[in-house]
Amino acid sequence: MSAAAFAKGLLDLEGELTPILVSLVSKDSSMLDGLQDGTIDINEAKAQLHDIITSSEVAHYNEPMEFPWMVDGARVPKNAAQLLTDLAELTKEITAQVKMLSDDEDEKAAIGSDSPNPPYDIAKALGKAEIDTDRLLAGLPCGSESFLLMFARWKKLERDLYNERKKRFDTTQIPDIYDSCKYDLLHNSHLNLTGLSDLFEVSQLLADSVIPNEYGINPKQKLKIGSKIARRLLGKILIDLHNTRREVAAAAAESDIYNDIMTVSSAKRKERSYYEEVKHECVERSISNKKGIDLDDSHEETKYCLDPK
């Protein structure tokens, strides 16, 4: 916004700052193509991480060693498979509790349908803190979220985490469950959901191992994926640095040439001034000598001579 305000004042533009700000932002979509280049490697890393978490071979990765971060799936707990099962069970419990709250909300809405309340306005909530306070005191979720939306959020996490038909876990959902659980602990603690703290502890243990390994389960794989994703961006940065360096060098060379010209011009001016001073001094000396000669001639005695006649 500061850049937009500066541009508006400098260019004497009229109108709101938002369009000016948008015009100042240029997006190069090719910078985002690097993620597609590493998709295969990312999916491979996630599949390997899934096998490490769900298999019983995780234990030997946590044995004491000199460089524990160099092994595949570093920081994965020994009981990761059991924690994953606990995570699914606790998520089901939270979802069931939120569903009960959602059903109660529907019943209250049906009973009080004769005097419907105005819809919750999030814009007013941002400007008036007492609206959120009233919702909290009434036992409603924080913000503009209803119990129905809250139930849909948790139901989706429960369904995506464990596919009952395929009997398979999706470990990529662990960070999402961790974020959702942390949000409810911070903003919806007044709902007193049983088991939410336990779910947070379990999801945090798993998230601390999943998040660092999503883009490579070992340093070599991380470097390979990172180089593919950031290659174009780093190349663009290097090109910009090279162009900037060349422009600075050209400006410095131009400045040196200008300084040399100014130095030569100054020397010539000094030389010309010296010659003019010498010339002026010579002229003054010549005039002074001439005046001296004329003065001497005027003081000579008049000599008379006899006429020979």
C-alpha atoms as a PDB file:
ATOM      1  CA  MET A   1       0.000   0.000   0.000  1.00  0.00           C
ATOM      2  CA  SER A   2       2.885   2.356   0.688  1.00  0.00           C
ATOM      3  CA  ALA A   3       4.260   1.759  -2.811  1.00  0.00           C
ATOM      4  CA  ALA A   4       0.806   2.372  -4.290  1.00  0.00           C
ATOM      5  CA  ALA A   5       0.411   5.604  -2.316  1.00  0.00           C
ATOM      6  CA  PHE A   6       3.865   6.751  -3.426  1.00  0.00           C
ATOM      7  CA  ALA A   7       3.094   5.960  -7.080  1.00  0.00           C
ATOM      8  CA  LYS A   8      -0.237   7.765  -6.810  1.00  0.00           C
ATOM      9  CA  GLY A   9       1.406  10.894  -5.443  1.00  0.00           C
ATOM     10  CA  LEU A  10       4.379  10.772  -7.806  1.00  0.00           C
ATOM     11  CA  LEU A  11       2.323  10.266 -10.962  1.00  0.00           C
ATOM     12  CA  ASP A  12      -0.567  12.426  -9.754  1.00  0.00           C
ATOM     13  CA  LEU A  13      -3.046   9.580 -10.252  1.00  0.00           C
ATOM     14  CA  GLU A  14      -6.698   9.687  -9.289  1.00  0.00           C
ATOM     15  CA  GLY A  15      -8.815   6.921  -7.806  1.00  0.00           C
ATOM     16  CA  GLU A  16      -8.565   4.235  -5.146  1.00  0.00           C
ATOM     17  CA  LEU A  17      -5.288   2.654  -4.123  1.00  0.00           C
ATOM     18  CA  THR A  18      -6.375  -0.940  -4.790  1.00  0.00           C
ATOM     19  CA  PRO A  19      -6.361  -0.767  -8.624  1.00  0.00           C
ATOM     20  CA  ILE A  20      -3.052   1.075  -8.488  1.00  0.00           C
ATOM     21  CA  LEU A  21      -1.641  -1.608  -6.214  1.00  0.00           C
ATOM     22  CA  VAL A  22      -2.833  -4.356  -8.561  1.00  0.00           C
ATOM     23  CA  SER A  23      -1.229  -2.630 -11.526  1.00  0.00           C
ATOM     24  CA  LEU A  24       2.109  -2.579  -9.692  1.00  0.00           C
ATOM     25  CA  VAL A  25       2.093  -6.368  -9.214  1.00  0.00           C
ATOM     26  CA  SER A  26       3.274  -8.487 -12.127  1.00  0.00           C
ATOM     27  CA  LYS A  27       2.950 -12.260 -12.023  1.00  0.00           C
ATOM     28  CA  ASP A  28       5.104 -14.636 -14.006  1.00  0.00           C
ATOM     29  CA  SER A  29       3.139 -17.874 -14.154  1.00  0.00           C
ATOM     30  CA  SER A  30       6.192 -19.791 -15.320  1.00  0.00           C
ATOM     31  CA  MET A  31       7.630 -19.433 -11.816  1.00  0.00           C
ATOM     32  CA  LEU A  32       4.889 -21.774 -10.592  1.00  0.00           C
ATOM     33  CA  ASP A  33       5.550 -24.493 -13.148  1.00  0.00           C
ATOM     34  CA  GLY A  34       8.386 -25.915 -11.092  1.00  0.00           C
ATOM     35  CA  LEU A  35       5.901 -27.651  -8.800  1.00  0.00           C
ATOM     36  CA  GLN A  36       4.673 -29.700 -11.741  1.00  0.00           C
ATOM     37  CA  ASP A  37       8.240 -30.705 -12.577  1.00  0.00           C
ATOM     38  CA  GLY A  38       8.613 -32.273  -9.132  1.00  0.00           C
ATOM     39  CA  THR A  39       5.147 -33.835  -8.865  1.00  0.00           C
ATOM     40  CA  ILE A  40       6.368 -37.359  -9.579  1.00  0.00           C
ATOM     41  CA  ASP A  41       9.133 -37.143  -6.981  1.00  0.00           C
ATOM     42  CA  ILE A  42       6.780 -35.552  -4.428  1.00  0.00           C
ATOM     43  CA  ASN A  43       4.208 -38.312  -4.852  1.00  0.00           C
ATOM     44  CA  GLU A  44       6.965 -40.899  -4.553  1.00  0.00           C
ATOM     45  CA  ALA A  45       8.197 -39.297  -1.317  1.00  0.00           C
ATOM     46  CA  LYS A  46       4.679 -39.237   0.132  1.00  0.00           C
ATOM     47  CA  ALA A  47       4.166 -42.889  -0.789  1.00  0.00           C
ATOM     48  CA  GLN A  48       7.435 -43.870   0.887  1.00  0.00           C
ATOM     49  CA  LEU A  49       6.530 -41.838   3.966  1.00  0.00           C
ATOM     50  CA  HIS A  50       3.150 -43.572   4.096  1.00  0.00           C
ATOM     51  CA  ASP A  51       4.860 -46.969   4.056  1.00  0.00           C
ATOM     52  CA  ILE A  52       7.261 -45.918   6.819  1.00  0.00           C
ATOM     53  CA  ILE A  53       4.453 -44.699   9.081  1.00  0.00           C
ATOM     54  CA  THR A  54       2.106 -47.627   8.533  1.00  0.00           C
ATOM     55  CA  SER A  55       4.749 -50.382   8.594  1.00  0.00           C
ATOM     56  CA  SER A  56       6.378 -52.000  11.602  1.00  0.00           C
ATOM     57  CA  GLU A  57       9.837 -51.142  10.283  1.00  0.00           C
ATOM     58  CA  VAL A  58       9.711 -47.640  11.688  1.00  0.00           C
ATOM     59  CA  ALA A  59      11.419 -48.601  14.942  1.00  0.00           C
ATOM     60  CA  HIS A  60      14.903 -49.088  13.553  1.00  0.00           C
ATOM     61  CA  TYR A  61      14.867 -45.596  12.061  1.00  0.00           C
ATOM     62  CA  ASN A  62      14.773 -44.116  15.547  1.00  0.00           C
ATOM     63  CA  GLU A  63      17.734 -45.977  16.991  1.00  0.00           C
ATOM     64  CA  PRO A  64      20.539 -43.703  18.246  1.00  0.00           C
ATOM     65  CA  MET A  65      22.979 -42.830  15.492  1.00  0.00           C
ATOM     66  CA  GLU A  66      25.484 -40.140  14.641  1.00  0.00           C
ATOM     67  CA  PHE A  67      23.314 -38.341  12.070  1.00  0.00           C
ATOM     68  CA  PRO A  68      19.658 -39.203  12.782  1.00  0.00           C
ATOM     69  CA  TRP A  69      18.356 -36.697  10.237  1.00  0.00           C
ATOM     70  CA  MET A  70      20.070 -38.554   7.382  1.00  0.00           C
ATOM     71  CA  VAL A  71      17.830 -41.637   7.556  1.00  0.00           C
ATOM     72  CA  ASP A  72      14.647 -42.060   5.565  1.00  0.00           C
ATOM     73  CA  GLY A  73      11.647 -40.608   7.369  1.00  0.00           C
ATOM     74  CA  ALA A  74      13.568 -38.939  10.167  1.00  0.00           C
ATOM     75  CA  ARG A  75      11.598 -37.963  13.306  1.00  0.00           C
ATOM     76  CA  VAL A  76       8.885 -40.550  12.647  1.00  0.00           C
ATOM     77  CA  PRO A  77       7.907 -41.947  16.081  1.00  0.00           C
ATOM     78  CA  LYS A  78       8.359 -45.648  16.762  1.00  0.00           C
ATOM     79  CA  ASN A  79       4.665 -46.154  17.438  1.00  0.00           C
ATOM     80  CA  ALA A  80       3.536 -44.170  14.393  1.00  0.00           C
ATOM     81  CA  ALA A  81       1.183 -46.914  13.219  1.00  0.00           C
ATOM     82  CA  GLN A  82      -0.600 -47.009  16.580  1.00  0.00           C
ATOM     83  CA  LEU A  83      -0.736 -43.207  16.711  1.00  0.00           C
ATOM     84  CA  LEU A  84      -2.350 -43.190  13.279  1.00  0.00           C
ATOM     85  CA  THR A  85      -5.054 -45.568  14.497  1.00  0.00           C
ATOM     86  CA  ASP A  86      -5.623 -43.422  17.591  1.00  0.00           C
ATOM     87  CA  LEU A  87      -5.839 -40.361  15.368  1.00  0.00           C
ATOM     88  CA  ALA A  88      -8.638 -41.903  13.331  1.00  0.00           C
ATOM     89  CA  GLU A  89     -10.591 -42.949  16.439  1.00  0.00           C
ATOM     90  CA  LEU A  90     -10.273 -39.556  18.125  1.00  0.00           C
ATOM     91  CA  THR A  91     -11.296 -37.799  14.919  1.00  0.00           C
ATOM     92  CA  LYS A  92     -14.458 -39.911  14.813  1.00  0.00           C
ATOM     93  CA  GLU A  93     -15.268 -38.960  18.403  1.00  0.00           C
ATOM     94  CA  ILE A  94     -14.875 -35.240  17.715  1.00  0.00           C
ATOM     95  CA  THR A  95     -16.992 -35.538  14.567  1.00  0.00           C
ATOM     96  CA  ALA A  96     -19.755 -37.316  16.496  1.00  0.00           C
ATOM     97  CA  GLN A  97     -19.817 -34.601  19.164  1.00  0.00           C
ATOM     98  CA  VAL A  98     -19.980 -31.817  16.589  1.00  0.00           C
ATOM     99  CA  LYS A  99     -22.815 -33.658  14.830  1.00  0.00           C
ATOM    100  CA  MET A 100     -24.810 -33.708  18.062  1.00  0.00           C
ATOM    101  CA  LEU A 101     -24.279 -29.963  18.455  1.00  0.00           C
ATOM    102  CA  SER A 102     -25.339 -29.474  14.844  1.00  0.00           C
ATOM    103  CA  ASP A 103     -28.536 -31.472  15.386  1.00  0.00           C
ATOM    104  CA  ASP A 104     -29.350 -29.439  18.501  1.00  0.00           C
ATOM    105  CA  GLU A 105     -28.831 -26.253  16.520  1.00  0.00           C
ATOM    106  CA  ASP A 106     -31.286 -27.455  13.868  1.00  0.00           C
ATOM    107  CA  GLU A 107     -33.897 -28.266  16.524  1.00  0.00           C
ATOM    108  CA  LYS A 108     -33.538 -24.841  18.142  1.00  0.00           C
ATOM    109  CA  ALA A 109     -33.818 -23.197  14.752  1.00  0.00           C
ATOM    110  CA  ALA A 110     -37.001 -25.160  14.024  1.00  0.00           C
ATOM    111  CA  ILE A 111     -38.554 -24.219  17.387  1.00  0.00           C
ATOM    112  CA  GLY A 112     -37.688 -20.545  17.032  1.00  0.00           C
ATOM    113  CA  SER A 113     -38.674 -20.301  13.379  1.00  0.00           C
ATOM    114  CA  ASP A 114     -41.478 -17.844  14.219  1.00  0.00           C
ATOM    115  CA  SER A 115     -38.934 -15.187  15.156  1.00  0.00           C
ATOM    116  CA  PRO A 116     -35.929 -15.841  12.966  1.00  0.00           C
ATOM    117  CA  ASN A 117     -32.675 -14.179  13.879  1.00  0.00           C
ATOM    118  CA  PRO A 118     -30.891 -12.137  11.236  1.00  0.00           C
ATOM    119  CA  PRO A 119     -28.016 -13.940   9.525  1.00  0.00           C
ATOM    120  CA  TYR A 120     -24.612 -13.555  11.078  1.00  0.00           C
ATOM    121  CA  ASP A 121     -22.672 -10.783   9.373  1.00  0.00           C
ATOM    122  CA  ILE A 122     -18.921 -11.394   9.433  1.00  0.00           C
ATOM    123  CA  ALA A 123     -18.230  -7.802   8.367  1.00  0.00           C
ATOM    124  CA  LYS A 124     -20.022  -6.523  11.457  1.00  0.00           C
ATOM    125  CA  ALA A 125     -18.236  -9.093  13.565  1.00  0.00           C
ATOM    126  CA  LEU A 126     -14.894  -7.751  12.422  1.00  0.00           C
ATOM    127  CA  GLY A 127     -15.930  -4.240  13.394  1.00  0.00           C
ATOM    128  CA  LYS A 128     -17.738  -5.082  16.636  1.00  0.00           C
ATOM    129  CA  ALA A 129     -16.130  -7.482  19.070  1.00  0.00           C
ATOM    130  CA  GLU A 130     -19.281  -7.807  21.191  1.00  0.00           C
ATOM    131  CA  ILE A 131     -21.000  -9.820  18.450  1.00  0.00           C
ATOM    132  CA  ASP A 132     -18.442 -12.600  18.774  1.00  0.00           C
ATOM    133  CA  THR A 133     -18.720 -12.344  22.545  1.00  0.00           C
ATOM    134  CA  ASP A 134     -22.462 -12.899  22.323  1.00  0.00           C
ATOM    135  CA  ARG A 135     -21.912 -15.941  20.137  1.00  0.00           C
ATOM    136  CA  LEU A 136     -19.379 -17.382  22.551  1.00  0.00           C
ATOM    137  CA  LEU A 137     -21.703 -16.834  25.498  1.00  0.00           C
ATOM    138  CA  ALA A 138     -24.484 -18.506  23.531  1.00  0.00           C
ATOM    139  CA  GLY A 139     -22.284 -21.560  22.969  1.00  0.00           C
ATOM    140  CA  LEU A 140     -21.868 -21.033  19.222  1.00  0.00           C
ATOM    141  CA  PRO A 141     -18.678 -21.551  17.192  1.00  0.00           C
ATOM    142  CA  CYS A 142     -16.317 -18.646  16.790  1.00  0.00           C
ATOM    143  CA  GLY A 143     -16.585 -16.386  13.777  1.00  0.00           C
ATOM    144  CA  SER A 144     -19.232 -16.944  11.133  1.00  0.00           C
ATOM    145  CA  GLU A 145     -18.971 -20.730  11.256  1.00  0.00           C
ATOM    146  CA  SER A 146     -22.103 -22.630  12.182  1.00  0.00           C
ATOM    147  CA  PHE A 147     -22.245 -26.070  13.757  1.00  0.00           C
ATOM    148  CA  LEU A 148     -23.285 -27.446  10.380  1.00  0.00           C
ATOM    149  CA  LEU A 149     -20.158 -26.078   8.707  1.00  0.00           C
ATOM    150  CA  MET A 150     -18.046 -27.240  11.616  1.00  0.00           C
ATOM    151  CA  PHE A 151     -19.493 -30.741  11.290  1.00  0.00           C
ATOM    152  CA  ALA A 152     -18.840 -30.751   7.531  1.00  0.00           C
ATOM    153  CA  ARG A 153     -15.231 -29.737   8.190  1.00  0.00           C
ATOM    154  CA  TRP A 154     -14.591 -32.560  10.636  1.00  0.00           C
ATOM    155  CA  LYS A 155     -16.570 -35.116   8.631  1.00  0.00           C
ATOM    156  CA  LYS A 156     -14.431 -34.466   5.578  1.00  0.00           C
ATOM    157  CA  LEU A 157     -11.249 -34.910   7.610  1.00  0.00           C
ATOM    158  CA  GLU A 158     -12.555 -38.164   9.070  1.00  0.00           C
ATOM    159  CA  ARG A 159     -13.549 -39.508   5.657  1.00  0.00           C
ATOM    160  CA  ASP A 160     -10.286 -38.487   3.958  1.00  0.00           C
ATOM    161  CA  LEU A 161      -8.037 -39.813   6.719  1.00  0.00           C
ATOM    162  CA  TYR A 162      -9.253 -43.390   6.592  1.00  0.00           C
ATOM    163  CA  ASN A 163     -10.999 -45.094   3.693  1.00  0.00           C
ATOM    164  CA  GLU A 164     -13.103 -47.809   5.289  1.00  0.00           C
ATOM    165  CA  ARG A 165     -13.828 -49.487   1.977  1.00  0.00           C
ATOM    166  CA  LYS A 166     -10.146 -49.791   1.017  1.00  0.00           C
ATOM    167  CA  LYS A 167      -8.964 -50.086   4.632  1.00  0.00           C
ATOM    168  CA  ARG A 168      -6.249 -47.548   3.914  1.00  0.00           C
ATOM    169  CA  PHE A 169      -4.964 -44.443   5.706  1.00  0.00           C
ATOM    170  CA  ASP A 170      -4.122 -41.215   3.915  1.00  0.00           C
ATOM    171  CA  THR A 171      -1.181 -39.742   5.818  1.00  0.00           C
ATOM    172  CA  THR A 172      -1.324 -36.516   3.796  1.00  0.00           C
ATOM    173  CA  GLN A 173      -4.397 -35.530   5.854  1.00  0.00           C
ATOM    174  CA  ILE A 174      -2.430 -35.449   9.115  1.00  0.00           C
ATOM    175  CA  PRO A 175      -1.336 -31.772   8.771  1.00  0.00           C
ATOM    176  CA  ASP A 176      -4.946 -30.754   7.997  1.00  0.00           C
ATOM    177  CA  ILE A 177      -6.249 -32.523  11.101  1.00  0.00           C
ATOM    178  CA  TYR A 178      -3.527 -30.878  13.168  1.00  0.00           C
ATOM    179  CA  ASP A 179      -4.461 -27.414  11.857  1.00  0.00           C
ATOM    180  CA  SER A 180      -8.185 -27.954  12.404  1.00  0.00           C
ATOM    181  CA  CYS A 181      -7.634 -29.293  15.900  1.00  0.00           C
ATOM    182  CA  LYS A 182      -5.387 -26.386  16.845  1.00  0.00           C
ATOM    183  CA  TYR A 183      -7.940 -23.909  15.505  1.00  0.00           C
ATOM    184  CA  ASP A 184     -10.733 -25.383  17.628  1.00  0.00           C
ATOM    185  CA  LEU A 185      -8.519 -25.447  20.704  1.00  0.00           C
ATOM    186  CA  LEU A 186      -7.756 -21.758  20.285  1.00  0.00           C
ATOM    187  CA  HIS A 187     -11.140 -20.430  19.164  1.00  0.00           C
ATOM    188  CA  ASN A 188     -13.754 -23.018  20.154  1.00  0.00           C
ATOM    189  CA  SER A 189     -12.498 -24.189  23.531  1.00  0.00           C
ATOM    190  CA  HIS A 190     -15.772 -22.952  25.057  1.00  0.00           C
ATOM    191  CA  LEU A 191     -17.564 -25.839  23.314  1.00  0.00           C
ATOM    192  CA  ASN A 192     -15.769 -28.280  25.656  1.00  0.00           C
ATOM    193  CA  LEU A 193     -15.276 -31.020  23.078  1.00  0.00           C
ATOM    194  CA  THR A 194     -14.153 -34.181  24.865  1.00  0.00           C
ATOM    195  CA  GLY A 195     -10.889 -35.631  23.596  1.00  0.00           C
ATOM    196  CA  LEU A 196      -9.853 -32.548  21.628  1.00  0.00           C
ATOM    197  CA  SER A 197      -6.665 -32.091  23.680  1.00  0.00           C
ATOM    198  CA  ASP A 198      -5.754 -35.760  23.206  1.00  0.00           C
ATOM    199  CA  LEU A 199      -6.357 -35.438  19.482  1.00  0.00           C
ATOM    200  CA  PHE A 200      -4.092 -32.410  19.367  1.00  0.00           C
ATOM    201  CA  GLU A 201      -1.240 -34.246  21.091  1.00  0.00           C
ATOM    202  CA  VAL A 202      -1.490 -37.241  18.754  1.00  0.00           C
ATOM    203  CA  SER A 203      -1.820 -35.116  15.616  1.00  0.00           C
ATOM    204  CA  GLN A 204       1.123 -32.962  16.681  1.00  0.00           C
ATOM    205  CA  LEU A 205       3.387 -36.001  17.101  1.00  0.00           C
ATOM    206  CA  LEU A 206       2.487 -37.235  13.637  1.00  0.00           C
ATOM    207  CA  ALA A 207       2.527 -33.791  12.009  1.00  0.00           C
ATOM    208  CA  ASP A 208       6.037 -33.114  13.324  1.00  0.00           C
ATOM    209  CA  SER A 209       7.202 -36.144  11.353  1.00  0.00           C
ATOM    210  CA  VAL A 210       5.010 -35.803   8.260  1.00  0.00           C
ATOM    211  CA  ILE A 211       5.416 -32.105   7.476  1.00  0.00           C
ATOM    212  CA  PRO A 212       9.262 -32.111   7.223  1.00  0.00           C
ATOM    213  CA  ASN A 213       9.185 -35.236   5.027  1.00  0.00           C
ATOM    214  CA  GLU A 214       6.405 -34.377   2.581  1.00  0.00           C
ATOM    215  CA  TYR A 215       8.899 -33.051   0.039  1.00  0.00           C
ATOM    216  CA  GLY A 216      11.564 -35.701   0.528  1.00  0.00           C
ATOM    217  CA  ILE A 217      12.182 -38.342   3.177  1.00  0.00           C
ATOM    218  CA  ASN A 218      15.968 -37.856   3.145  1.00  0.00           C
ATOM    219  CA  PRO A 219      18.352 -34.976   2.363  1.00  0.00           C
ATOM    220  CA  LYS A 220      19.157 -36.277  -1.119  1.00  0.00           C
ATOM    221  CA  GLN A 221      15.496 -36.495  -2.095  1.00  0.00           C
ATOM    222  CA  LYS A 222      14.758 -33.096  -0.538  1.00  0.00           C
ATOM    223  CA  LEU A 223      17.551 -31.544  -2.600  1.00  0.00           C
ATOM    224  CA  LYS A 224      16.284 -33.177  -5.787  1.00  0.00           C
ATOM    225  CA  ILE A 225      12.692 -32.027  -5.284  1.00  0.00           C
ATOM    226  CA  GLY A 226      13.710 -28.576  -4.074  1.00  0.00           C
ATOM    227  CA  SER A 227      15.987 -28.037  -7.062  1.00  0.00           C
ATOM    228  CA  LYS A 228      13.185 -28.913  -9.469  1.00  0.00           C
ATOM    229  CA  ILE A 229      10.682 -26.633  -7.771  1.00  0.00           C
ATOM    230  CA  ALA A 230      12.988 -23.649  -7.251  1.00  0.00           C
ATOM    231  CA  ARG A 231      15.092 -23.980 -10.407  1.00  0.00           C
ATOM    232  CA  ARG A 232      13.214 -21.425 -12.485  1.00  0.00           C
ATOM    233  CA  LEU A 233      12.816 -19.033  -9.594  1.00  0.00           C
ATOM    234  CA  LEU A 234      16.508 -19.172  -8.722  1.00  0.00           C
ATOM    235  CA  GLY A 235      17.383 -18.812 -12.403  1.00  0.00           C
ATOM    236  CA  LYS A 236      15.233 -15.693 -12.599  1.00  0.00           C
ATOM    237  CA  ILE A 237      16.945 -14.282  -9.503  1.00  0.00           C
ATOM    238  CA  LEU A 238      20.398 -14.967 -10.979  1.00  0.00           C
ATOM    239  CA  ILE A 239      19.443 -13.293 -14.265  1.00  0.00           C
ATOM    240  CA  ASP A 240      18.128 -10.249 -12.395  1.00  0.00           C
ATOM    241  CA  LEU A 241      21.319 -10.049 -10.338  1.00  0.00           C
ATOM    242  CA  HIS A 242      23.440 -10.327 -13.492  1.00  0.00           C
ATOM    243  CA  ASN A 243      21.446  -7.594 -15.236  1.00  0.00           C
ATOM    244  CA  THR A 244      21.636  -5.366 -12.177  1.00  0.00           C
ATOM    245  CA  ARG A 245      25.377  -5.888 -11.922  1.00  0.00           C
ATOM    246  CA  ARG A 246      25.814  -5.049 -15.600  1.00  0.00           C
ATOM    247  CA  GLU A 247      23.703  -1.899 -15.264  1.00  0.00           C
ATOM    248  CA  VAL A 248      25.674  -0.803 -12.211  1.00  0.00           C
ATOM    249  CA  ALA A 249      28.962  -1.420 -14.035  1.00  0.00           C
ATOM    250  CA  ALA A 250      27.743   0.551 -17.063  1.00  0.00           C
ATOM    251  CA  ALA A 251      26.603   3.409 -14.849  1.00  0.00           C
ATOM    252  CA  ALA A 252      29.951   3.398 -13.041  1.00  0.00           C
ATOM    253  CA  ALA A 253      31.852   3.444 -16.355  1.00  0.00           C
ATOM    254  CA  GLU A 254      29.711   6.297 -17.622  1.00  0.00           C
ATOM    255  CA  SER A 255      30.341   8.167 -14.398  1.00  0.00           C
ATOM    256  CA  ASP A 256      34.101   7.632 -14.759  1.00  0.00           C
ATOM    257  CA  ILE A 257      34.034   8.934 -18.338  1.00  0.00           C
ATOM    258  CA  TYR A 258      32.083  11.975 -17.218  1.00  0.00           C
ATOM    259  CA  ASN A 259      34.536  12.584 -14.388  1.00  0.00           C
ATOM    260  CA  ASP A 260      37.465  12.264 -16.808  1.00  0.00           C
ATOM    261  CA  ILE A 261      35.867  14.770 -19.171  1.00  0.00           C
ATOM    262  CA  MET A 262      35.229  17.141 -16.311  1.00  0.00           C
ATOM    263  CA  THR A 263      38.820  16.709 -15.129  1.00  0.00           C
ATOM    264  CA  VAL A 264      40.208  17.441 -18.604  1.00  0.00           C
ATOM    265  CA  SER A 265      37.892  20.411 -18.994  1.00  0.00           C
ATOM    266  CA  SER A 266      38.959  21.726 -15.622  1.00  0.00           C
ATOM    267  CA  ALA A 267      42.639  21.342 -16.556  1.00  0.00           C
ATOM    268  CA  LYS A 268      42.061  23.123 -19.841  1.00  0.00           C
ATOM    269  CA  ARG A 269      40.230  25.918 -18.073  1.00  0.00           C
ATOM    270  CA  LYS A 270      43.094  26.294 -15.621  1.00  0.00           C
ATOM    271  CA  GLU A 271      45.638  26.300 -18.469  1.00  0.00           C
ATOM    272  CA  ARG A 272      43.616  28.824 -20.446  1.00  0.00           C
ATOM    273  CA  SER A 273      43.252  30.990 -17.366  1.00  0.00           C
ATOM    274  CA  TYR A 274      46.996  30.808 -16.778  1.00  0.00           C
ATOM    275  CA  TYR A 275      47.767  31.838 -20.355  1.00  0.00           C
ATOM    276  CA  GLU A 276      45.278  34.685 -20.141  1.00  0.00           C
ATOM    277  CA  GLU A 277      46.846  35.881 -16.912  1.00  0.00           C
ATOM    278  CA  VAL A 278      50.324  35.748 -18.470  1.00  0.00           C
ATOM    279  CA  LYS A 279      49.090  37.530 -21.573  1.00  0.00           C
ATOM    280  CA  HIS A 280      47.346  40.164 -19.510  1.00  0.00           C
ATOM    281  CA  GLU A 281      50.462  40.628 -17.418  1.00  0.00           C
ATOM    282  CA  CYS A 282      52.598  41.011 -20.538  1.00  0.00           C
ATOM    283  CA  VAL A 283      50.202  43.545 -21.986  1.00  0.00           C
ATOM    284  CA  GLU A 284      50.178  45.522 -18.772  1.00  0.00           C
ATOM    285  CA  ARG A 285      53.972  45.395 -18.627  1.00  0.00           C
ATOM    286  CA  SER A 286      54.229  46.570 -22.230  1.00  0.00           C
ATOM    287  CA  ILE A 287      51.855  49.441 -21.594  1.00  0.00           C
ATOM    288  CA  SER A 288      53.766  50.386 -18.471  1.00  0.00           C
ATOM    289  CA  ASN A 289      57.094  50.389 -20.353  1.00  0.00           C
ATOM    290  CA  LYS A 290      55.664  52.528 -23.137  1.00  0.00           C
ATOM    291  CA  LYS A 291      54.355  55.045 -20.666  1.00  0.00           C
ATOM    292  CA  GLY A 292      57.787  55.154 -19.034  1.00  0.00           C
ATOM    293  CA  ILE A 293      59.490  55.855 -22.361  1.00  0.00           C
ATOM    294  CA  ASP A 294      57.036  58.643 -23.196  1.00  0.00           C
ATOM    295  CA  LEU A 295      57.589  60.174 -19.809  1.00  0.00           C
ATOM    296  CA  ASP A 296      61.358  60.142 -20.273  1.00  0.00           C
ATOM    297  CA  ASP A 297      61.059  61.799 -23.661  1.00  0.00           C
ATOM    298  CA  SER A 298      58.923  64.594 -22.272  1.00  0.00           C
ATOM    299  CA  HIS A 299      61.599  65.516 -19.693  1.00  0.00           C
ATOM    300  CA  GLU A 300      64.476  65.858 -22.152  1.00  0.00           C
ATOM    301  CA  GLU A 301      65.984  69.403 -22.436  1.00  0.00           C
ATOM    302  CA  THR A 302      65.406  71.309 -25.638  1.00  0.00           C
ATOM    303  CA  LYS A 303      68.609  71.730 -27.546  1.00  0.00           C
ATOM    304  CA  TYR A 304      69.112  74.820 -29.677  1.00  0.00           C
ATOM    305  CA  CYS A 305      71.460  74.985 -32.590  1.00  0.00           C
ATOM    306  CA  LEU A 306      72.705  77.979 -34.522  1.00  0.00           C
ATOM    307  CA  ASP A 307      71.402  78.532 -37.923  1.00  0.00           C
ATOM    308  CA  PRO A 308      74.333  78.072 -40.302  1.00  0.00           C
ATOM    309  CA  LYS A 309      73.030  80.858 -42.380  1.00  0.00           C
END
